[in-house]
Amino acid sequence: MRLLVPLVALALALSGCKTPYAYQGPAGAPTAVLKLGTDKIPFVYISETNECPKAMMDQKQPFTVIPAGRKLYVEPGFSTAGLPGGYTCVSPMSFVPEAGKEYFVVYQLQAMRCYGQILTKNANGAVLPVPTAKEKAHMCMW
């Protein structure tokens, strides 16, 4: 039993579990909402600086409030790291959310290649891609 707690802590650390993203901006600051698309993305790392540590969104937290008017780094991905033949594929990007808008992260994994995209809806309800910049992935060692 004495070994169980340290082993569980080690397993969580190695699995890459992070705290959920929670924007802590000043009261009244402009915000937007970021939601997971319907494609069951395994995880999305979110940061305001693209440095470690990064916070996470997943199916347990399918949406979050984000800051508007400044660059936000979004990194949807998939990982089987820790398993035999482990594989990780992330699609790091950044965009500048507009105040009051709702954004969706979508992710595709096909033939060991992955692709992420940010979408929004216009006033008529049409789904549109959001301009993003491709970013370099910064792997964090938990």
N, C-alpha and C. Protein backbone atom coordinates (compact mmCIF):
# COMPACT_ATOMS: atom_id res chain seq x y z
N MET A 1 0.83 -1.20 0.00
CA MET A 1 0.00 0.00 0.00
C MET A 1 0.87 1.26 0.00
N ARG A 2 2.03 1.19 0.71
CA ARG A 2 2.90 2.36 0.75
C ARG A 2 3.40 2.73 -0.64
N LEU A 3 3.55 1.74 -1.50
CA LEU A 3 4.03 2.01 -2.85
C LEU A 3 2.93 2.45 -3.80
N LEU A 4 1.69 2.20 -3.45
CA LEU A 4 0.58 2.51 -4.35
C LEU A 4 0.46 4.00 -4.64
N VAL A 5 0.52 4.84 -3.63
CA VAL A 5 0.37 6.28 -3.83
C VAL A 5 1.48 6.84 -4.71
N PRO A 6 2.76 6.53 -4.43
CA PRO A 6 3.81 7.04 -5.32
C PRO A 6 3.68 6.50 -6.75
N LEU A 7 3.26 5.25 -6.90
CA LEU A 7 3.10 4.69 -8.24
C LEU A 7 1.98 5.37 -9.00
N VAL A 8 0.88 5.67 -8.34
CA VAL A 8 -0.23 6.38 -8.98
C VAL A 8 0.22 7.78 -9.38
N ALA A 9 0.93 8.47 -8.50
CA ALA A 9 1.43 9.82 -8.81
C ALA A 9 2.38 9.78 -10.00
N LEU A 10 3.26 8.79 -10.03
CA LEU A 10 4.19 8.65 -11.14
C LEU A 10 3.45 8.36 -12.44
N ALA A 11 2.47 7.50 -12.40
CA ALA A 11 1.69 7.17 -13.60
C ALA A 11 0.98 8.41 -14.14
N LEU A 12 0.39 9.20 -13.27
CA LEU A 12 -0.28 10.43 -13.72
C LEU A 12 0.71 11.41 -14.32
N ALA A 13 1.87 11.54 -13.69
CA ALA A 13 2.89 12.46 -14.21
C ALA A 13 3.37 12.03 -15.58
N LEU A 14 3.59 10.74 -15.77
CA LEU A 14 4.07 10.24 -17.05
C LEU A 14 3.00 10.26 -18.12
N SER A 15 1.75 10.23 -17.74
CA SER A 15 0.68 10.22 -18.74
C SER A 15 0.45 11.59 -19.35
N GLY A 16 1.05 12.63 -18.80
CA GLY A 16 0.89 13.96 -19.35
C GLY A 16 -0.34 14.68 -18.85
N CYS A 17 -0.98 14.19 -17.80
CA CYS A 17 -2.17 14.85 -17.26
C CYS A 17 -1.81 16.25 -16.78
N LYS A 18 -2.60 17.21 -17.13
CA LYS A 18 -2.39 18.58 -16.70
C LYS A 18 -3.71 19.12 -16.17
N THR A 19 -3.60 20.25 -15.51
CA THR A 19 -4.80 20.87 -15.00
C THR A 19 -5.61 21.45 -16.16
N PRO A 20 -6.91 21.56 -16.00
CA PRO A 20 -7.74 22.16 -17.05
C PRO A 20 -7.37 23.63 -17.25
N TYR A 21 -7.52 24.11 -18.48
CA TYR A 21 -7.25 25.50 -18.78
C TYR A 21 -8.33 26.36 -18.11
N ALA A 22 -7.91 27.42 -17.45
CA ALA A 22 -8.85 28.35 -16.82
C ALA A 22 -8.29 29.76 -16.97
N TYR A 23 -8.91 30.56 -17.81
CA TYR A 23 -8.47 31.93 -18.02
C TYR A 23 -8.69 32.73 -16.75
N GLN A 24 -7.66 33.42 -16.30
CA GLN A 24 -7.71 34.20 -15.07
C GLN A 24 -7.47 35.68 -15.35
N GLY A 25 -8.17 36.23 -16.31
CA GLY A 25 -7.98 37.62 -16.66
C GLY A 25 -8.72 38.57 -15.74
N PRO A 26 -8.47 39.86 -15.90
CA PRO A 26 -9.16 40.85 -15.06
C PRO A 26 -10.66 40.87 -15.34
N ALA A 27 -11.42 41.23 -14.34
CA ALA A 27 -12.88 41.31 -14.48
C ALA A 27 -13.23 42.29 -15.60
N GLY A 28 -14.14 41.91 -16.45
CA GLY A 28 -14.57 42.78 -17.53
C GLY A 28 -13.69 42.73 -18.77
N ALA A 29 -12.61 41.95 -18.74
CA ALA A 29 -11.74 41.83 -19.91
C ALA A 29 -12.48 41.11 -21.03
N PRO A 30 -12.20 41.45 -22.29
CA PRO A 30 -12.90 40.79 -23.40
C PRO A 30 -12.53 39.31 -23.48
N THR A 31 -13.54 38.48 -23.71
CA THR A 31 -13.32 37.03 -23.79
C THR A 31 -14.08 36.44 -24.97
N ALA A 32 -13.74 35.20 -25.27
CA ALA A 32 -14.43 34.39 -26.27
C ALA A 32 -14.57 33.00 -25.67
N VAL A 33 -15.16 32.08 -26.42
CA VAL A 33 -15.33 30.71 -25.94
C VAL A 33 -14.69 29.76 -26.95
N LEU A 34 -13.94 28.78 -26.45
CA LEU A 34 -13.34 27.75 -27.28
C LEU A 34 -13.98 26.42 -26.92
N LYS A 35 -14.50 25.71 -27.93
CA LYS A 35 -15.16 24.42 -27.70
C LYS A 35 -14.46 23.34 -28.51
N LEU A 36 -14.56 22.11 -28.03
CA LEU A 36 -14.07 20.98 -28.80
C LEU A 36 -15.08 20.67 -29.90
N GLY A 37 -14.58 20.31 -31.08
CA GLY A 37 -15.46 19.91 -32.17
C GLY A 37 -16.10 18.57 -31.85
N THR A 38 -16.90 18.08 -32.76
CA THR A 38 -17.62 16.83 -32.53
C THR A 38 -16.80 15.60 -32.86
N ASP A 39 -15.53 15.78 -33.23
CA ASP A 39 -14.71 14.66 -33.66
C ASP A 39 -13.95 13.96 -32.53
N LYS A 40 -14.34 14.19 -31.30
CA LYS A 40 -13.77 13.48 -30.13
C LYS A 40 -12.24 13.61 -30.06
N ILE A 41 -11.75 14.84 -30.04
CA ILE A 41 -10.32 15.09 -29.93
C ILE A 41 -9.83 14.53 -28.60
N PRO A 42 -8.76 13.72 -28.60
CA PRO A 42 -8.26 13.18 -27.34
C PRO A 42 -7.84 14.27 -26.34
N PHE A 43 -7.13 15.29 -26.81
CA PHE A 43 -6.74 16.38 -25.92
C PHE A 43 -6.41 17.63 -26.73
N VAL A 44 -6.45 18.77 -26.06
CA VAL A 44 -6.03 20.04 -26.64
C VAL A 44 -5.24 20.77 -25.57
N TYR A 45 -3.97 21.07 -25.86
CA TYR A 45 -3.19 21.90 -24.95
C TYR A 45 -3.46 23.35 -25.31
N ILE A 46 -3.57 24.20 -24.30
CA ILE A 46 -3.82 25.62 -24.50
C ILE A 46 -2.82 26.40 -23.66
N SER A 47 -2.24 27.44 -24.24
CA SER A 47 -1.36 28.31 -23.45
C SER A 47 -1.40 29.71 -24.05
N GLU A 48 -1.04 30.66 -23.24
CA GLU A 48 -0.99 32.04 -23.69
C GLU A 48 0.42 32.45 -24.06
N THR A 49 1.40 31.56 -23.82
CA THR A 49 2.80 31.87 -24.11
C THR A 49 3.50 30.81 -24.95
N ASN A 50 2.89 29.66 -25.20
CA ASN A 50 3.46 28.51 -25.90
C ASN A 50 4.68 27.95 -25.17
N GLU A 51 4.69 28.09 -23.87
CA GLU A 51 5.76 27.53 -23.06
C GLU A 51 5.16 26.60 -22.03
N CYS A 52 6.00 25.79 -21.44
CA CYS A 52 5.54 24.83 -20.43
C CYS A 52 5.43 25.52 -19.08
N PRO A 53 4.54 25.11 -18.23
CA PRO A 53 3.55 24.05 -18.44
C PRO A 53 2.37 24.57 -19.24
N LYS A 54 1.70 23.65 -19.91
CA LYS A 54 0.51 23.97 -20.69
C LYS A 54 -0.70 23.38 -19.99
N ALA A 55 -1.82 24.03 -20.15
CA ALA A 55 -3.07 23.51 -19.58
C ALA A 55 -3.75 22.67 -20.65
N MET A 56 -4.81 21.98 -20.26
CA MET A 56 -5.40 21.03 -21.18
C MET A 56 -6.93 21.14 -21.21
N MET A 57 -7.48 20.83 -22.37
CA MET A 57 -8.91 20.63 -22.55
C MET A 57 -9.07 19.20 -23.04
N ASP A 58 -10.13 18.53 -22.61
CA ASP A 58 -10.43 17.21 -23.15
C ASP A 58 -11.94 17.01 -23.08
N GLN A 59 -12.39 15.78 -23.32
CA GLN A 59 -13.83 15.52 -23.34
C GLN A 59 -14.49 15.79 -21.99
N LYS A 60 -13.71 15.81 -20.90
CA LYS A 60 -14.28 16.13 -19.59
C LYS A 60 -14.53 17.62 -19.44
N GLN A 61 -13.79 18.44 -20.19
CA GLN A 61 -13.96 19.89 -20.19
C GLN A 61 -14.08 20.32 -21.65
N PRO A 62 -15.27 20.17 -22.27
CA PRO A 62 -15.41 20.39 -23.71
C PRO A 62 -15.46 21.85 -24.16
N PHE A 63 -15.44 22.80 -23.23
CA PHE A 63 -15.38 24.21 -23.62
C PHE A 63 -14.71 25.00 -22.51
N THR A 64 -14.19 26.18 -22.87
CA THR A 64 -13.54 27.04 -21.89
C THR A 64 -13.60 28.48 -22.37
N VAL A 65 -13.55 29.41 -21.43
CA VAL A 65 -13.46 30.84 -21.75
C VAL A 65 -12.00 31.15 -22.05
N ILE A 66 -11.76 31.94 -23.09
CA ILE A 66 -10.40 32.30 -23.49
C ILE A 66 -10.29 33.81 -23.61
N PRO A 67 -9.07 34.36 -23.50
CA PRO A 67 -8.90 35.80 -23.66
C PRO A 67 -9.11 36.20 -25.12
N ALA A 68 -9.68 37.35 -25.35
CA ALA A 68 -9.88 37.87 -26.71
C ALA A 68 -8.88 38.98 -26.97
N GLY A 69 -8.55 39.16 -28.25
CA GLY A 69 -7.70 40.28 -28.64
C GLY A 69 -6.22 40.04 -28.52
N ARG A 70 -5.80 38.85 -28.15
CA ARG A 70 -4.37 38.55 -28.11
C ARG A 70 -4.14 37.08 -28.49
N LYS A 71 -2.92 36.80 -28.93
CA LYS A 71 -2.60 35.47 -29.45
C LYS A 71 -2.78 34.38 -28.40
N LEU A 72 -3.42 33.29 -28.84
CA LEU A 72 -3.62 32.12 -28.00
C LEU A 72 -3.06 30.91 -28.75
N TYR A 73 -2.31 30.08 -28.05
CA TYR A 73 -1.71 28.88 -28.65
C TYR A 73 -2.60 27.68 -28.36
N VAL A 74 -2.94 26.94 -29.40
CA VAL A 74 -3.83 25.79 -29.30
C VAL A 74 -3.14 24.61 -29.98
N GLU A 75 -3.12 23.48 -29.29
CA GLU A 75 -2.38 22.32 -29.79
C GLU A 75 -3.21 21.04 -29.62
N PRO A 76 -4.11 20.75 -30.59
CA PRO A 76 -4.87 19.50 -30.49
C PRO A 76 -3.97 18.32 -30.83
N GLY A 77 -4.24 17.19 -30.22
CA GLY A 77 -3.39 16.04 -30.50
C GLY A 77 -3.93 14.71 -30.03
N PHE A 78 -3.11 13.70 -30.31
CA PHE A 78 -3.40 12.31 -30.00
C PHE A 78 -2.10 11.68 -29.54
N SER A 79 -2.17 10.81 -28.56
CA SER A 79 -0.95 10.17 -28.08
C SER A 79 -1.22 8.77 -27.56
N THR A 80 -0.32 7.87 -27.91
CA THR A 80 -0.29 6.54 -27.30
C THR A 80 1.06 6.36 -26.63
N ALA A 81 1.72 7.47 -26.31
CA ALA A 81 3.02 7.40 -25.63
C ALA A 81 2.86 6.59 -24.35
N GLY A 82 3.86 5.83 -24.04
CA GLY A 82 3.79 4.98 -22.85
C GLY A 82 3.33 3.57 -23.18
N LEU A 83 2.81 3.37 -24.38
CA LEU A 83 2.42 2.04 -24.83
C LEU A 83 3.48 1.54 -25.80
N PRO A 84 3.59 0.23 -25.99
CA PRO A 84 4.55 -0.28 -26.97
C PRO A 84 4.28 0.33 -28.34
N GLY A 85 5.32 0.81 -28.99
CA GLY A 85 5.16 1.46 -30.29
C GLY A 85 4.46 2.80 -30.17
N GLY A 86 4.59 3.47 -29.02
CA GLY A 86 3.89 4.72 -28.75
C GLY A 86 4.06 5.76 -29.84
N TYR A 87 3.03 6.55 -30.03
CA TYR A 87 2.99 7.53 -31.09
C TYR A 87 2.27 8.78 -30.58
N THR A 88 2.81 9.95 -30.93
CA THR A 88 2.17 11.22 -30.57
C THR A 88 2.11 12.09 -31.82
N CYS A 89 0.97 12.71 -32.04
CA CYS A 89 0.82 13.62 -33.17
C CYS A 89 0.03 14.84 -32.70
N VAL A 90 0.66 16.01 -32.77
CA VAL A 90 0.00 17.25 -32.38
C VAL A 90 0.02 18.21 -33.56
N SER A 91 -0.91 19.14 -33.55
CA SER A 91 -1.04 20.12 -34.62
C SER A 91 -1.05 21.52 -33.99
N PRO A 92 0.14 22.05 -33.63
CA PRO A 92 0.20 23.33 -32.93
C PRO A 92 -0.10 24.52 -33.84
N MET A 93 -0.91 25.44 -33.33
CA MET A 93 -1.28 26.63 -34.09
C MET A 93 -1.59 27.76 -33.11
N SER A 94 -1.70 28.95 -33.64
CA SER A 94 -2.11 30.09 -32.82
C SER A 94 -3.12 30.92 -33.60
N PHE A 95 -3.93 31.66 -32.86
CA PHE A 95 -4.89 32.58 -33.48
C PHE A 95 -5.23 33.66 -32.46
N VAL A 96 -5.86 34.72 -32.94
CA VAL A 96 -6.27 35.82 -32.07
C VAL A 96 -7.80 35.82 -32.01
N PRO A 97 -8.38 35.34 -30.91
CA PRO A 97 -9.84 35.31 -30.79
C PRO A 97 -10.44 36.71 -30.73
N GLU A 98 -11.64 36.85 -31.27
CA GLU A 98 -12.38 38.11 -31.19
C GLU A 98 -13.36 38.03 -30.03
N ALA A 99 -13.56 39.15 -29.35
CA ALA A 99 -14.45 39.20 -28.19
C ALA A 99 -15.86 38.75 -28.55
N GLY A 100 -16.43 37.92 -27.69
CA GLY A 100 -17.80 37.47 -27.84
C GLY A 100 -18.03 36.34 -28.83
N LYS A 101 -17.00 35.94 -29.55
CA LYS A 101 -17.17 34.87 -30.54
C LYS A 101 -17.00 33.50 -29.92
N GLU A 102 -17.52 32.51 -30.64
CA GLU A 102 -17.42 31.11 -30.23
C GLU A 102 -16.57 30.39 -31.28
N TYR A 103 -15.57 29.65 -30.81
CA TYR A 103 -14.66 28.94 -31.70
C TYR A 103 -14.71 27.44 -31.40
N PHE A 104 -14.39 26.65 -32.43
CA PHE A 104 -14.39 25.19 -32.31
C PHE A 104 -13.05 24.65 -32.78
N VAL A 105 -12.47 23.74 -32.02
CA VAL A 105 -11.24 23.06 -32.42
C VAL A 105 -11.63 21.74 -33.06
N VAL A 106 -11.14 21.49 -34.27
CA VAL A 106 -11.37 20.19 -34.92
C VAL A 106 -10.01 19.55 -35.19
N TYR A 107 -10.01 18.23 -35.28
CA TYR A 107 -8.76 17.48 -35.39
C TYR A 107 -9.00 16.22 -36.21
N GLN A 108 -8.06 15.92 -37.09
CA GLN A 108 -8.14 14.68 -37.88
C GLN A 108 -6.81 13.96 -37.79
N LEU A 109 -6.88 12.65 -37.67
CA LEU A 109 -5.69 11.80 -37.67
C LEU A 109 -5.91 10.73 -38.73
N GLN A 110 -5.09 10.77 -39.77
CA GLN A 110 -5.20 9.78 -40.84
C GLN A 110 -3.81 9.35 -41.27
N ALA A 111 -3.60 8.05 -41.35
CA ALA A 111 -2.33 7.49 -41.83
C ALA A 111 -1.13 8.10 -41.11
N MET A 112 -1.22 8.19 -39.80
CA MET A 112 -0.13 8.69 -38.95
C MET A 112 0.19 10.18 -39.18
N ARG A 113 -0.72 10.93 -39.79
CA ARG A 113 -0.56 12.37 -39.95
C ARG A 113 -1.76 13.03 -39.30
N CYS A 114 -1.52 14.18 -38.69
CA CYS A 114 -2.63 14.85 -38.02
C CYS A 114 -2.78 16.28 -38.54
N TYR A 115 -3.99 16.79 -38.36
CA TYR A 115 -4.33 18.12 -38.83
C TYR A 115 -5.34 18.72 -37.88
N GLY A 116 -5.08 19.93 -37.43
CA GLY A 116 -6.01 20.64 -36.56
C GLY A 116 -6.46 21.93 -37.23
N GLN A 117 -7.62 22.40 -36.84
CA GLN A 117 -8.16 23.63 -37.41
C GLN A 117 -9.08 24.29 -36.39
N ILE A 118 -9.16 25.62 -36.47
CA ILE A 118 -10.09 26.39 -35.65
C ILE A 118 -11.20 26.88 -36.58
N LEU A 119 -12.44 26.68 -36.15
CA LEU A 119 -13.60 27.11 -36.93
C LEU A 119 -14.46 28.06 -36.10
N THR A 120 -15.28 28.86 -36.78
CA THR A 120 -16.27 29.70 -36.12
C THR A 120 -17.51 29.75 -37.01
N LYS A 121 -18.57 30.34 -36.51
CA LYS A 121 -19.79 30.52 -37.31
C LYS A 121 -20.00 32.00 -37.55
N ASN A 122 -20.46 32.34 -38.76
CA ASN A 122 -20.78 33.74 -39.02
C ASN A 122 -22.21 34.03 -38.55
N ALA A 123 -22.68 35.25 -38.79
CA ALA A 123 -24.01 35.66 -38.32
C ALA A 123 -25.13 34.81 -38.92
N ASN A 124 -24.90 34.23 -40.09
CA ASN A 124 -25.91 33.38 -40.74
C ASN A 124 -25.81 31.92 -40.31
N GLY A 125 -24.84 31.61 -39.46
CA GLY A 125 -24.68 30.23 -38.99
C GLY A 125 -23.77 29.37 -39.85
N ALA A 126 -23.18 29.95 -40.90
CA ALA A 126 -22.26 29.20 -41.76
C ALA A 126 -20.94 28.99 -41.02
N VAL A 127 -20.39 27.79 -41.13
CA VAL A 127 -19.12 27.46 -40.48
C VAL A 127 -17.97 27.94 -41.36
N LEU A 128 -17.05 28.68 -40.74
CA LEU A 128 -15.91 29.25 -41.47
C LEU A 128 -14.60 28.91 -40.78
N PRO A 129 -13.53 28.68 -41.55
CA PRO A 129 -12.22 28.48 -40.93
C PRO A 129 -11.69 29.81 -40.41
N VAL A 130 -10.96 29.76 -39.32
CA VAL A 130 -10.35 30.94 -38.72
C VAL A 130 -8.88 30.98 -39.15
N PRO A 131 -8.38 32.15 -39.57
CA PRO A 131 -6.96 32.22 -39.91
C PRO A 131 -6.10 31.86 -38.69
N THR A 132 -5.17 30.94 -38.89
CA THR A 132 -4.26 30.53 -37.82
C THR A 132 -2.84 30.56 -38.35
N ALA A 133 -1.90 30.60 -37.43
CA ALA A 133 -0.49 30.50 -37.77
C ALA A 133 0.02 29.16 -37.25
N LYS A 134 0.78 28.46 -38.07
CA LYS A 134 1.38 27.20 -37.64
C LYS A 134 2.48 27.53 -36.64
N GLU A 135 2.53 26.78 -35.56
CA GLU A 135 3.53 27.02 -34.51
C GLU A 135 4.38 25.77 -34.31
N LYS A 136 5.51 25.97 -33.67
CA LYS A 136 6.38 24.84 -33.34
C LYS A 136 5.87 24.20 -32.05
N ALA A 137 5.83 22.88 -32.05
CA ALA A 137 5.39 22.16 -30.84
C ALA A 137 6.50 22.22 -29.80
N HIS A 138 6.15 22.55 -28.58
CA HIS A 138 7.08 22.54 -27.46
C HIS A 138 6.67 21.40 -26.55
N MET A 139 7.37 20.29 -26.63
CA MET A 139 7.04 19.14 -25.80
C MET A 139 7.45 19.41 -24.36
N CYS A 140 6.52 19.24 -23.48
CA CYS A 140 6.76 19.47 -22.06
C CYS A 140 7.01 18.13 -21.38
N MET A 141 7.99 18.09 -20.53
CA MET A 141 8.25 16.89 -19.75
C MET A 141 7.55 17.07 -18.42
N TRP A 142 6.56 16.27 -18.15
CA TRP A 142 5.76 16.41 -16.94
C TRP A 142 6.48 15.82 -15.81
